[in-house]
Amino acid sequence: MSPAASDALAPLETSDAVVDAERMADRHLARTAEVEKVGNVVRWLDDAVRVPGTKFGIGLDAIAGFIVPGVGDAITGLVALSVMSAAIRRGVPRVVLMRMFLNIAVDTGVGMVPVLGDVFDLLWRSNTRNLALLERHQGELEPRARPGDYMVLAAAAGLVVVSIAAPIMLIAWVLSFLMG
């Protein structure tokens, strides 16, 4: 057999680049499937039942909060953490994870307020927001935070400071007024 013929019959060597590309494709498919599963959970939480004649839906988050105020919101808040766990596995930047947690905390906290919380649950849709944040980083090999992520966290930190400082200042003012 000639050398050219034996080279043609020899198994092809797979380069490291090809193997790496195949691994990346496999991981992307697994991550895409995971995000799809998370998307199904989000649809149940934020958009389970369509209001006839509209594009608006009501999810289990709002329904559970209405039926069992406080408890329903706490349970759906825990279920909402599944979106965050998928984001952690995906390697989403910490600042984005913090933003996701803030979305869940606001939804759960305000959702526990009777009536106002139920209306808020219908409009805020933290799970849909978090899924959008997760999907935004889906195709990136090395996900990076964006300036808007930092701005949201800075605003949240400012609100926390104000919510702590305002009552203290009010109490000090009332005491100074009463004590003359």
N, C-alpha and C. Protein backbone atom coordinates (compact mmCIF):
# COMPACT_ATOMS: atom_id res chain seq x y z
N MET A 1 0.85 -1.15 0.00
CA MET A 1 0.00 0.00 0.00
C MET A 1 0.91 1.23 0.00
N SER A 2 0.51 2.20 -0.75
CA SER A 2 1.32 3.42 -0.86
C SER A 2 1.16 4.26 0.40
N PRO A 3 2.16 5.13 0.71
CA PRO A 3 2.05 5.98 1.90
C PRO A 3 0.82 6.89 1.86
N ALA A 4 0.45 7.37 0.70
CA ALA A 4 -0.72 8.25 0.60
C ALA A 4 -1.99 7.49 0.97
N ALA A 5 -2.07 6.22 0.52
CA ALA A 5 -3.25 5.41 0.81
C ALA A 5 -3.33 5.10 2.30
N SER A 6 -2.18 4.79 2.93
CA SER A 6 -2.21 4.47 4.36
C SER A 6 -2.56 5.71 5.18
N ASP A 7 -2.13 6.92 4.73
CA ASP A 7 -2.50 8.15 5.42
C ASP A 7 -4.00 8.40 5.32
N ALA A 8 -4.58 8.05 4.20
CA ALA A 8 -6.01 8.26 4.00
C ALA A 8 -6.83 7.34 4.90
N LEU A 9 -6.29 6.14 5.19
CA LEU A 9 -7.01 5.19 6.02
C LEU A 9 -6.75 5.39 7.52
N ALA A 10 -5.73 6.16 7.87
CA ALA A 10 -5.40 6.39 9.28
C ALA A 10 -6.50 7.23 9.93
N PRO A 11 -6.78 6.94 11.22
CA PRO A 11 -7.82 7.73 11.88
C PRO A 11 -7.40 9.20 11.97
N LEU A 12 -8.38 10.05 11.81
CA LEU A 12 -8.12 11.48 11.90
C LEU A 12 -7.80 11.86 13.34
N GLU A 13 -6.78 12.68 13.51
CA GLU A 13 -6.45 13.16 14.84
C GLU A 13 -7.36 14.35 15.15
N THR A 14 -7.88 14.32 16.34
CA THR A 14 -8.76 15.40 16.76
C THR A 14 -7.92 16.44 17.48
N SER A 15 -7.99 17.64 16.99
CA SER A 15 -7.21 18.70 17.62
C SER A 15 -7.85 19.10 18.95
N ASP A 16 -7.06 19.72 19.81
CA ASP A 16 -7.57 20.19 21.09
C ASP A 16 -8.67 21.22 20.89
N ALA A 17 -8.54 22.02 19.85
CA ALA A 17 -9.54 23.05 19.58
C ALA A 17 -10.89 22.43 19.26
N VAL A 18 -10.88 21.33 18.50
CA VAL A 18 -12.13 20.65 18.15
C VAL A 18 -12.76 20.04 19.40
N VAL A 19 -11.94 19.41 20.23
CA VAL A 19 -12.45 18.81 21.46
C VAL A 19 -13.03 19.88 22.37
N ASP A 20 -12.32 21.00 22.50
CA ASP A 20 -12.83 22.11 23.32
C ASP A 20 -14.15 22.65 22.78
N ALA A 21 -14.24 22.77 21.46
CA ALA A 21 -15.47 23.27 20.84
C ALA A 21 -16.62 22.30 21.10
N GLU A 22 -16.35 20.99 21.04
CA GLU A 22 -17.40 20.00 21.30
C GLU A 22 -17.86 20.07 22.76
N ARG A 23 -16.91 20.21 23.67
CA ARG A 23 -17.27 20.33 25.09
C ARG A 23 -18.11 21.58 25.34
N MET A 24 -17.71 22.68 24.71
CA MET A 24 -18.46 23.92 24.88
C MET A 24 -19.87 23.78 24.34
N ALA A 25 -20.01 23.10 23.20
CA ALA A 25 -21.33 22.89 22.61
C ALA A 25 -22.20 22.04 23.54
N ASP A 26 -21.60 20.97 24.12
CA ASP A 26 -22.35 20.12 25.05
C ASP A 26 -22.80 20.91 26.28
N ARG A 27 -21.90 21.73 26.83
CA ARG A 27 -22.25 22.53 27.99
C ARG A 27 -23.33 23.55 27.64
N HIS A 28 -23.24 24.14 26.45
CA HIS A 28 -24.24 25.12 26.02
C HIS A 28 -25.62 24.47 25.92
N LEU A 29 -25.66 23.25 25.35
CA LEU A 29 -26.95 22.55 25.24
C LEU A 29 -27.52 22.25 26.62
N ALA A 30 -26.66 21.80 27.54
CA ALA A 30 -27.12 21.50 28.90
C ALA A 30 -27.62 22.77 29.58
N ARG A 31 -26.91 23.86 29.40
CA ARG A 31 -27.31 25.12 30.02
C ARG A 31 -28.59 25.66 29.39
N THR A 32 -28.71 25.49 28.08
CA THR A 32 -29.92 25.93 27.40
C THR A 32 -31.12 25.15 27.92
N ALA A 33 -30.95 23.83 28.11
CA ALA A 33 -32.03 23.00 28.64
C ALA A 33 -32.38 23.43 30.06
N GLU A 34 -31.35 23.74 30.85
CA GLU A 34 -31.59 24.18 32.22
C GLU A 34 -32.36 25.50 32.24
N VAL A 35 -31.96 26.44 31.41
CA VAL A 35 -32.65 27.73 31.35
C VAL A 35 -34.09 27.53 30.86
N GLU A 36 -34.30 26.59 29.97
CA GLU A 36 -35.66 26.30 29.50
C GLU A 36 -36.52 25.78 30.64
N LYS A 37 -35.95 24.89 31.48
CA LYS A 37 -36.69 24.38 32.64
C LYS A 37 -37.01 25.51 33.61
N VAL A 38 -36.03 26.37 33.85
CA VAL A 38 -36.24 27.51 34.73
C VAL A 38 -37.33 28.41 34.15
N GLY A 39 -37.32 28.58 32.83
CA GLY A 39 -38.35 29.38 32.17
C GLY A 39 -39.75 28.83 32.41
N ASN A 40 -39.87 27.50 32.44
CA ASN A 40 -41.17 26.89 32.73
C ASN A 40 -41.63 27.22 34.16
N VAL A 41 -40.70 27.14 35.11
CA VAL A 41 -41.02 27.49 36.50
C VAL A 41 -41.47 28.96 36.58
N VAL A 42 -40.73 29.82 35.89
CA VAL A 42 -41.05 31.26 35.90
C VAL A 42 -42.44 31.50 35.32
N ARG A 43 -42.76 30.83 34.23
CA ARG A 43 -44.09 31.02 33.64
C ARG A 43 -45.19 30.62 34.64
N TRP A 44 -44.98 29.54 35.38
CA TRP A 44 -45.97 29.14 36.39
C TRP A 44 -46.07 30.18 37.50
N LEU A 45 -44.94 30.73 37.91
CA LEU A 45 -44.94 31.69 39.01
C LEU A 45 -45.52 33.05 38.62
N ASP A 46 -45.24 33.50 37.40
CA ASP A 46 -45.62 34.86 37.01
C ASP A 46 -46.74 34.95 35.98
N ASP A 47 -47.07 33.85 35.32
CA ASP A 47 -47.95 33.96 34.16
C ASP A 47 -48.76 32.69 33.93
N ALA A 48 -49.20 32.00 34.98
CA ALA A 48 -49.82 30.68 34.85
C ALA A 48 -51.18 30.72 34.15
N VAL A 49 -51.99 31.72 34.46
CA VAL A 49 -53.35 31.78 33.93
C VAL A 49 -53.51 33.08 33.15
N ARG A 50 -53.87 32.96 31.89
CA ARG A 50 -54.09 34.14 31.05
C ARG A 50 -55.47 34.74 31.33
N VAL A 51 -55.50 36.06 31.39
CA VAL A 51 -56.77 36.76 31.50
C VAL A 51 -57.36 36.79 30.09
N PRO A 52 -58.55 36.22 29.90
CA PRO A 52 -59.13 36.13 28.56
C PRO A 52 -59.22 37.49 27.87
N GLY A 53 -58.82 37.49 26.61
CA GLY A 53 -58.90 38.70 25.81
C GLY A 53 -57.75 39.67 26.01
N THR A 54 -56.77 39.29 26.82
CA THR A 54 -55.62 40.16 27.06
C THR A 54 -54.33 39.36 26.90
N LYS A 55 -53.22 40.07 26.94
CA LYS A 55 -51.91 39.42 26.94
C LYS A 55 -51.40 39.27 28.37
N PHE A 56 -52.23 39.63 29.34
CA PHE A 56 -51.84 39.65 30.74
C PHE A 56 -52.14 38.31 31.39
N GLY A 57 -51.22 37.84 32.22
CA GLY A 57 -51.41 36.60 32.95
C GLY A 57 -51.22 36.79 34.44
N ILE A 58 -51.80 35.88 35.19
CA ILE A 58 -51.66 35.88 36.65
C ILE A 58 -50.94 34.60 37.03
N GLY A 59 -49.89 34.73 37.82
CA GLY A 59 -49.10 33.58 38.20
C GLY A 59 -49.41 33.06 39.59
N LEU A 60 -48.80 31.90 39.90
CA LEU A 60 -49.01 31.30 41.21
C LEU A 60 -48.47 32.18 42.33
N ASP A 61 -47.49 33.01 42.03
CA ASP A 61 -46.95 33.94 43.03
C ASP A 61 -48.06 34.84 43.55
N ALA A 62 -48.79 35.47 42.65
CA ALA A 62 -49.88 36.37 43.05
C ALA A 62 -51.05 35.59 43.65
N ILE A 63 -51.36 34.44 43.07
CA ILE A 63 -52.50 33.65 43.56
C ILE A 63 -52.22 33.14 44.97
N ALA A 64 -51.03 32.58 45.20
CA ALA A 64 -50.68 32.06 46.53
C ALA A 64 -50.65 33.17 47.57
N GLY A 65 -50.13 34.33 47.18
CA GLY A 65 -50.09 35.46 48.11
C GLY A 65 -51.48 35.97 48.46
N PHE A 66 -52.42 35.85 47.52
CA PHE A 66 -53.79 36.29 47.77
C PHE A 66 -54.52 35.29 48.67
N ILE A 67 -54.33 34.00 48.40
CA ILE A 67 -55.03 32.96 49.15
C ILE A 67 -54.52 32.86 50.59
N VAL A 68 -53.19 32.83 50.73
CA VAL A 68 -52.58 32.71 52.06
C VAL A 68 -51.56 33.84 52.21
N PRO A 69 -52.01 35.04 52.58
CA PRO A 69 -51.08 36.17 52.68
C PRO A 69 -49.87 35.84 53.55
N GLY A 70 -48.72 36.24 53.08
CA GLY A 70 -47.48 36.01 53.82
C GLY A 70 -46.89 34.64 53.54
N VAL A 71 -47.64 33.59 53.84
CA VAL A 71 -47.13 32.23 53.66
C VAL A 71 -46.95 31.92 52.17
N GLY A 72 -47.94 32.27 51.37
CA GLY A 72 -47.83 32.04 49.93
C GLY A 72 -46.67 32.79 49.33
N ASP A 73 -46.46 34.02 49.77
CA ASP A 73 -45.34 34.83 49.27
C ASP A 73 -44.00 34.23 49.69
N ALA A 74 -43.93 33.73 50.92
CA ALA A 74 -42.69 33.12 51.39
C ALA A 74 -42.37 31.86 50.58
N ILE A 75 -43.38 31.05 50.32
CA ILE A 75 -43.17 29.81 49.56
C ILE A 75 -42.75 30.12 48.13
N THR A 76 -43.45 31.03 47.47
CA THR A 76 -43.08 31.35 46.09
C THR A 76 -41.73 32.08 46.05
N GLY A 77 -41.38 32.79 47.12
CA GLY A 77 -40.05 33.40 47.20
C GLY A 77 -38.97 32.34 47.23
N LEU A 78 -39.22 31.25 47.95
CA LEU A 78 -38.25 30.15 47.99
C LEU A 78 -38.14 29.47 46.63
N VAL A 79 -39.28 29.26 45.98
CA VAL A 79 -39.26 28.64 44.65
C VAL A 79 -38.51 29.55 43.67
N ALA A 80 -38.65 30.85 43.84
CA ALA A 80 -37.98 31.81 42.95
C ALA A 80 -36.46 31.69 43.04
N LEU A 81 -35.97 31.15 44.14
CA LEU A 81 -34.52 30.97 44.27
C LEU A 81 -33.97 29.96 43.26
N SER A 82 -34.85 29.16 42.64
CA SER A 82 -34.38 28.21 41.62
C SER A 82 -33.78 28.94 40.42
N VAL A 83 -34.30 30.12 40.12
CA VAL A 83 -33.73 30.92 39.03
C VAL A 83 -32.32 31.36 39.43
N MET A 84 -32.17 31.76 40.68
CA MET A 84 -30.84 32.16 41.15
C MET A 84 -29.87 31.00 41.16
N SER A 85 -30.33 29.81 41.55
CA SER A 85 -29.41 28.67 41.58
C SER A 85 -28.95 28.32 40.17
N ALA A 86 -29.82 28.45 39.19
CA ALA A 86 -29.41 28.23 37.80
C ALA A 86 -28.39 29.29 37.38
N ALA A 87 -28.59 30.51 37.82
CA ALA A 87 -27.65 31.59 37.49
C ALA A 87 -26.29 31.34 38.13
N ILE A 88 -26.30 30.82 39.35
CA ILE A 88 -25.04 30.50 40.02
C ILE A 88 -24.30 29.42 39.24
N ARG A 89 -25.03 28.36 38.86
CA ARG A 89 -24.39 27.27 38.09
C ARG A 89 -23.87 27.79 36.75
N ARG A 90 -24.55 28.78 36.19
CA ARG A 90 -24.16 29.34 34.89
C ARG A 90 -22.94 30.25 35.01
N GLY A 91 -22.64 30.70 36.22
CA GLY A 91 -21.48 31.57 36.40
C GLY A 91 -21.79 33.04 36.19
N VAL A 92 -23.05 33.41 36.40
CA VAL A 92 -23.46 34.81 36.26
C VAL A 92 -22.69 35.63 37.30
N PRO A 93 -22.25 36.83 36.96
CA PRO A 93 -21.49 37.67 37.90
C PRO A 93 -22.23 37.90 39.22
N ARG A 94 -21.46 38.04 40.29
CA ARG A 94 -22.04 38.22 41.63
C ARG A 94 -22.97 39.42 41.70
N VAL A 95 -22.60 40.49 41.04
CA VAL A 95 -23.44 41.69 41.11
C VAL A 95 -24.81 41.42 40.48
N VAL A 96 -24.86 40.60 39.45
CA VAL A 96 -26.13 40.24 38.83
C VAL A 96 -26.92 39.32 39.77
N LEU A 97 -26.21 38.40 40.44
CA LEU A 97 -26.88 37.55 41.43
C LEU A 97 -27.48 38.39 42.55
N MET A 98 -26.75 39.41 42.97
CA MET A 98 -27.27 40.30 44.01
C MET A 98 -28.51 41.04 43.51
N ARG A 99 -28.49 41.42 42.25
CA ARG A 99 -29.65 42.10 41.67
C ARG A 99 -30.85 41.15 41.63
N MET A 100 -30.60 39.89 41.28
CA MET A 100 -31.66 38.89 41.28
C MET A 100 -32.24 38.71 42.69
N PHE A 101 -31.35 38.62 43.66
CA PHE A 101 -31.80 38.46 45.04
C PHE A 101 -32.62 39.66 45.48
N LEU A 102 -32.20 40.85 45.08
CA LEU A 102 -32.95 42.06 45.40
C LEU A 102 -34.35 42.00 44.79
N ASN A 103 -34.46 41.55 43.55
CA ASN A 103 -35.77 41.40 42.91
C ASN A 103 -36.67 40.47 43.73
N ILE A 104 -36.11 39.34 44.18
CA ILE A 104 -36.88 38.37 44.97
C ILE A 104 -37.25 38.97 46.32
N ALA A 105 -36.30 39.65 46.97
CA ALA A 105 -36.56 40.23 48.29
C ALA A 105 -37.66 41.29 48.22
N VAL A 106 -37.61 42.14 47.20
CA VAL A 106 -38.64 43.18 47.04
C VAL A 106 -39.99 42.52 46.79
N ASP A 107 -40.02 41.54 45.90
CA ASP A 107 -41.26 40.85 45.58
C ASP A 107 -41.84 40.16 46.81
N THR A 108 -41.00 39.46 47.55
CA THR A 108 -41.47 38.74 48.73
C THR A 108 -41.86 39.70 49.85
N GLY A 109 -41.04 40.71 50.08
CA GLY A 109 -41.32 41.66 51.16
C GLY A 109 -42.59 42.46 50.93
N VAL A 110 -42.70 43.07 49.77
CA VAL A 110 -43.90 43.87 49.48
C VAL A 110 -45.10 42.95 49.29
N GLY A 111 -44.87 41.77 48.74
CA GLY A 111 -45.95 40.82 48.53
C GLY A 111 -46.64 40.38 49.80
N MET A 112 -45.96 40.49 50.93
CA MET A 112 -46.55 40.08 52.21
C MET A 112 -47.53 41.11 52.78
N VAL A 113 -47.55 42.31 52.22
CA VAL A 113 -48.48 43.34 52.67
C VAL A 113 -49.85 43.03 52.06
N PRO A 114 -50.88 42.84 52.90
CA PRO A 114 -52.20 42.51 52.37
C PRO A 114 -52.69 43.54 51.34
N VAL A 115 -53.34 43.08 50.33
CA VAL A 115 -53.95 43.82 49.22
C VAL A 115 -52.89 44.53 48.37
N LEU A 116 -52.15 45.48 48.93
CA LEU A 116 -51.10 46.17 48.18
C LEU A 116 -50.10 45.16 47.62
N GLY A 117 -49.73 44.19 48.44
CA GLY A 117 -48.78 43.17 48.01
C GLY A 117 -49.31 42.32 46.87
N ASP A 118 -50.60 42.04 46.89
CA ASP A 118 -51.21 41.25 45.82
C ASP A 118 -51.18 41.99 44.49
N VAL A 119 -51.48 43.28 44.53
CA VAL A 119 -51.41 44.10 43.31
C VAL A 119 -49.96 44.19 42.85
N PHE A 120 -49.05 44.38 43.79
CA PHE A 120 -47.63 44.48 43.46
C PHE A 120 -47.14 43.19 42.80
N ASP A 121 -47.57 42.03 43.32
CA ASP A 121 -47.17 40.74 42.74
C ASP A 121 -47.59 40.62 41.28
N LEU A 122 -48.74 41.19 40.96
CA LEU A 122 -49.21 41.14 39.57
C LEU A 122 -48.34 41.97 38.64
N LEU A 123 -47.78 43.05 39.15
CA LEU A 123 -47.05 43.99 38.31
C LEU A 123 -45.54 43.82 38.33
N TRP A 124 -44.95 43.46 39.44
CA TRP A 124 -43.49 43.43 39.59
C TRP A 124 -42.86 42.27 38.83
N ARG A 125 -43.35 41.06 38.99
CA ARG A 125 -42.88 39.87 38.27
C ARG A 125 -41.37 39.68 38.38
N SER A 126 -40.90 39.51 39.59
CA SER A 126 -39.46 39.38 39.83
C SER A 126 -38.87 38.16 39.12
N ASN A 127 -39.65 37.11 39.00
CA ASN A 127 -39.13 35.90 38.36
C ASN A 127 -38.87 36.13 36.87
N THR A 128 -39.76 36.85 36.22
CA THR A 128 -39.56 37.19 34.81
C THR A 128 -38.35 38.09 34.65
N ARG A 129 -38.19 39.03 35.57
CA ARG A 129 -37.01 39.91 35.54
C ARG A 129 -35.73 39.10 35.70
N ASN A 130 -35.74 38.16 36.65
CA ASN A 130 -34.55 37.36 36.90
C ASN A 130 -34.24 36.42 35.74
N LEU A 131 -35.27 35.87 35.13
CA LEU A 131 -35.05 35.03 33.95
C LEU A 131 -34.41 35.84 32.83
N ALA A 132 -34.86 37.07 32.65
CA ALA A 132 -34.27 37.94 31.62
C ALA A 132 -32.80 38.20 31.93
N LEU A 133 -32.47 38.41 33.20
CA LEU A 133 -31.06 38.61 33.58
C LEU A 133 -30.25 37.35 33.28
N LEU A 134 -30.82 36.19 33.58
CA LEU A 134 -30.13 34.92 33.31
C LEU A 134 -29.95 34.71 31.82
N GLU A 135 -30.99 34.95 31.04
CA GLU A 135 -30.91 34.76 29.59
C GLU A 135 -29.94 35.75 28.95
N ARG A 136 -29.81 36.94 29.52
CA ARG A 136 -28.89 37.93 29.00
C ARG A 136 -27.45 37.41 29.03
N HIS A 137 -27.15 36.57 29.99
CA HIS A 137 -25.80 36.03 30.13
C HIS A 137 -25.68 34.62 29.56
N GLN A 138 -26.74 34.08 28.99
CA GLN A 138 -26.77 32.71 28.49
C GLN A 138 -25.70 32.41 27.45
N GLY A 139 -25.51 33.28 26.49
CA GLY A 139 -24.59 33.00 25.39
C GLY A 139 -23.16 33.41 25.65
N GLU A 140 -22.90 34.06 26.78
CA GLU A 140 -21.56 34.56 27.04
C GLU A 140 -20.68 33.47 27.63
N LEU A 141 -19.44 33.34 27.11
CA LEU A 141 -18.51 32.38 27.67
C LEU A 141 -18.03 32.84 29.04
N GLU A 142 -17.79 34.12 29.18
CA GLU A 142 -17.40 34.70 30.46
C GLU A 142 -18.37 35.85 30.75
N PRO A 143 -19.49 35.54 31.42
CA PRO A 143 -20.48 36.58 31.67
C PRO A 143 -19.89 37.76 32.44
N ARG A 144 -20.29 38.94 32.06
CA ARG A 144 -19.80 40.16 32.71
C ARG A 144 -21.00 41.00 33.17
N ALA A 145 -20.77 41.66 34.28
CA ALA A 145 -21.80 42.58 34.79
C ALA A 145 -21.80 43.83 33.93
N ARG A 146 -22.94 44.47 33.88
CA ARG A 146 -23.07 45.70 33.11
C ARG A 146 -23.25 46.87 34.07
N PRO A 147 -23.01 48.10 33.61
CA PRO A 147 -23.14 49.26 34.51
C PRO A 147 -24.52 49.36 35.18
N GLY A 148 -25.56 48.99 34.46
CA GLY A 148 -26.90 49.04 35.04
C GLY A 148 -27.05 48.14 36.25
N ASP A 149 -26.34 47.00 36.26
CA ASP A 149 -26.39 46.11 37.41
C ASP A 149 -25.86 46.82 38.66
N TYR A 150 -24.76 47.52 38.49
CA TYR A 150 -24.17 48.25 39.62
C TYR A 150 -25.06 49.41 40.06
N MET A 151 -25.71 50.07 39.10
CA MET A 151 -26.58 51.20 39.43
C MET A 151 -27.78 50.74 40.27
N VAL A 152 -28.36 49.60 39.91
CA VAL A 152 -29.50 49.08 40.67
C VAL A 152 -29.07 48.77 42.10
N LEU A 153 -27.91 48.14 42.25
CA LEU A 153 -27.44 47.81 43.60
C LEU A 153 -27.11 49.06 44.41
N ALA A 154 -26.53 50.06 43.77
CA ALA A 154 -26.23 51.31 44.47
C ALA A 154 -27.52 51.98 44.94
N ALA A 155 -28.54 51.97 44.10
CA ALA A 155 -29.83 52.56 44.48
C ALA A 155 -30.44 51.78 45.64
N ALA A 156 -30.35 50.46 45.60
CA ALA A 156 -30.88 49.63 46.69
C ALA A 156 -30.14 49.91 47.99
N ALA A 157 -28.83 50.03 47.91
CA ALA A 157 -28.04 50.34 49.11
C ALA A 157 -28.45 51.70 49.67
N GLY A 158 -28.67 52.67 48.79
CA GLY A 158 -29.12 53.99 49.22
C GLY A 158 -30.47 53.92 49.92
N LEU A 159 -31.39 53.12 49.39
CA LEU A 159 -32.70 52.97 50.02
C LEU A 159 -32.59 52.33 51.40
N VAL A 160 -31.70 51.36 51.52
CA VAL A 160 -31.50 50.72 52.83
C VAL A 160 -30.99 51.75 53.84
N VAL A 161 -30.02 52.55 53.43
CA VAL A 161 -29.47 53.57 54.33
C VAL A 161 -30.56 54.57 54.73
N VAL A 162 -31.34 55.02 53.76
CA VAL A 162 -32.42 55.98 54.06
C VAL A 162 -33.47 55.34 54.96
N SER A 163 -33.82 54.08 54.70
CA SER A 163 -34.86 53.42 55.51
C SER A 163 -34.40 53.19 56.95
N ILE A 164 -33.10 53.14 57.17
CA ILE A 164 -32.59 53.02 58.53
C ILE A 164 -32.45 54.40 59.16
N ALA A 165 -31.93 55.36 58.41
CA ALA A 165 -31.66 56.69 58.95
C ALA A 165 -32.94 57.49 59.20
N ALA A 166 -33.93 57.39 58.33
CA ALA A 166 -35.14 58.20 58.46
C ALA A 166 -35.88 57.96 59.79
N PRO A 167 -36.13 56.71 60.18
CA PRO A 167 -36.81 56.52 61.47
C PRO A 167 -35.99 57.02 62.66
N ILE A 168 -34.68 56.84 62.59
CA ILE A 168 -33.82 57.32 63.68
C ILE A 168 -33.92 58.84 63.79
N MET A 169 -33.86 59.51 62.65
CA MET A 169 -33.96 60.97 62.65
C MET A 169 -35.34 61.43 63.13
N LEU A 170 -36.38 60.72 62.73
CA LEU A 170 -37.74 61.07 63.15
C LEU A 170 -37.89 60.91 64.66
N ILE A 171 -37.38 59.82 65.19
CA ILE A 171 -37.45 59.59 66.64
C ILE A 171 -36.68 60.68 67.38
N ALA A 172 -35.49 61.01 66.89
CA ALA A 172 -34.69 62.07 67.52
C ALA A 172 -35.43 63.40 67.49
N TRP A 173 -36.08 63.71 66.39
CA TRP A 173 -36.82 64.96 66.26
C TRP A 173 -38.01 64.99 67.23
N VAL A 174 -38.76 63.87 67.29
CA VAL A 174 -39.91 63.79 68.20
C VAL A 174 -39.45 63.94 69.65
N LEU A 175 -38.37 63.25 70.01
CA LEU A 175 -37.86 63.35 71.39
C LEU A 175 -37.41 64.77 71.72
N SER A 176 -36.73 65.41 70.78
CA SER A 176 -36.28 66.79 71.04
C SER A 176 -37.48 67.74 71.15
N PHE A 177 -38.53 67.49 70.39
CA PHE A 177 -39.73 68.31 70.45
C PHE A 177 -40.44 68.12 71.79
N LEU A 178 -40.54 66.86 72.24
CA LEU A 178 -41.23 66.55 73.49
C LEU A 178 -40.46 67.03 74.72
N MET A 179 -39.15 67.00 74.64
CA MET A 179 -38.33 67.38 75.79
C MET A 179 -38.01 68.87 75.79
N GLY A 180 -38.41 69.53 74.79
CA GLY A 180 -38.31 70.98 74.72
C GLY A 180 -36.99 71.50 74.46
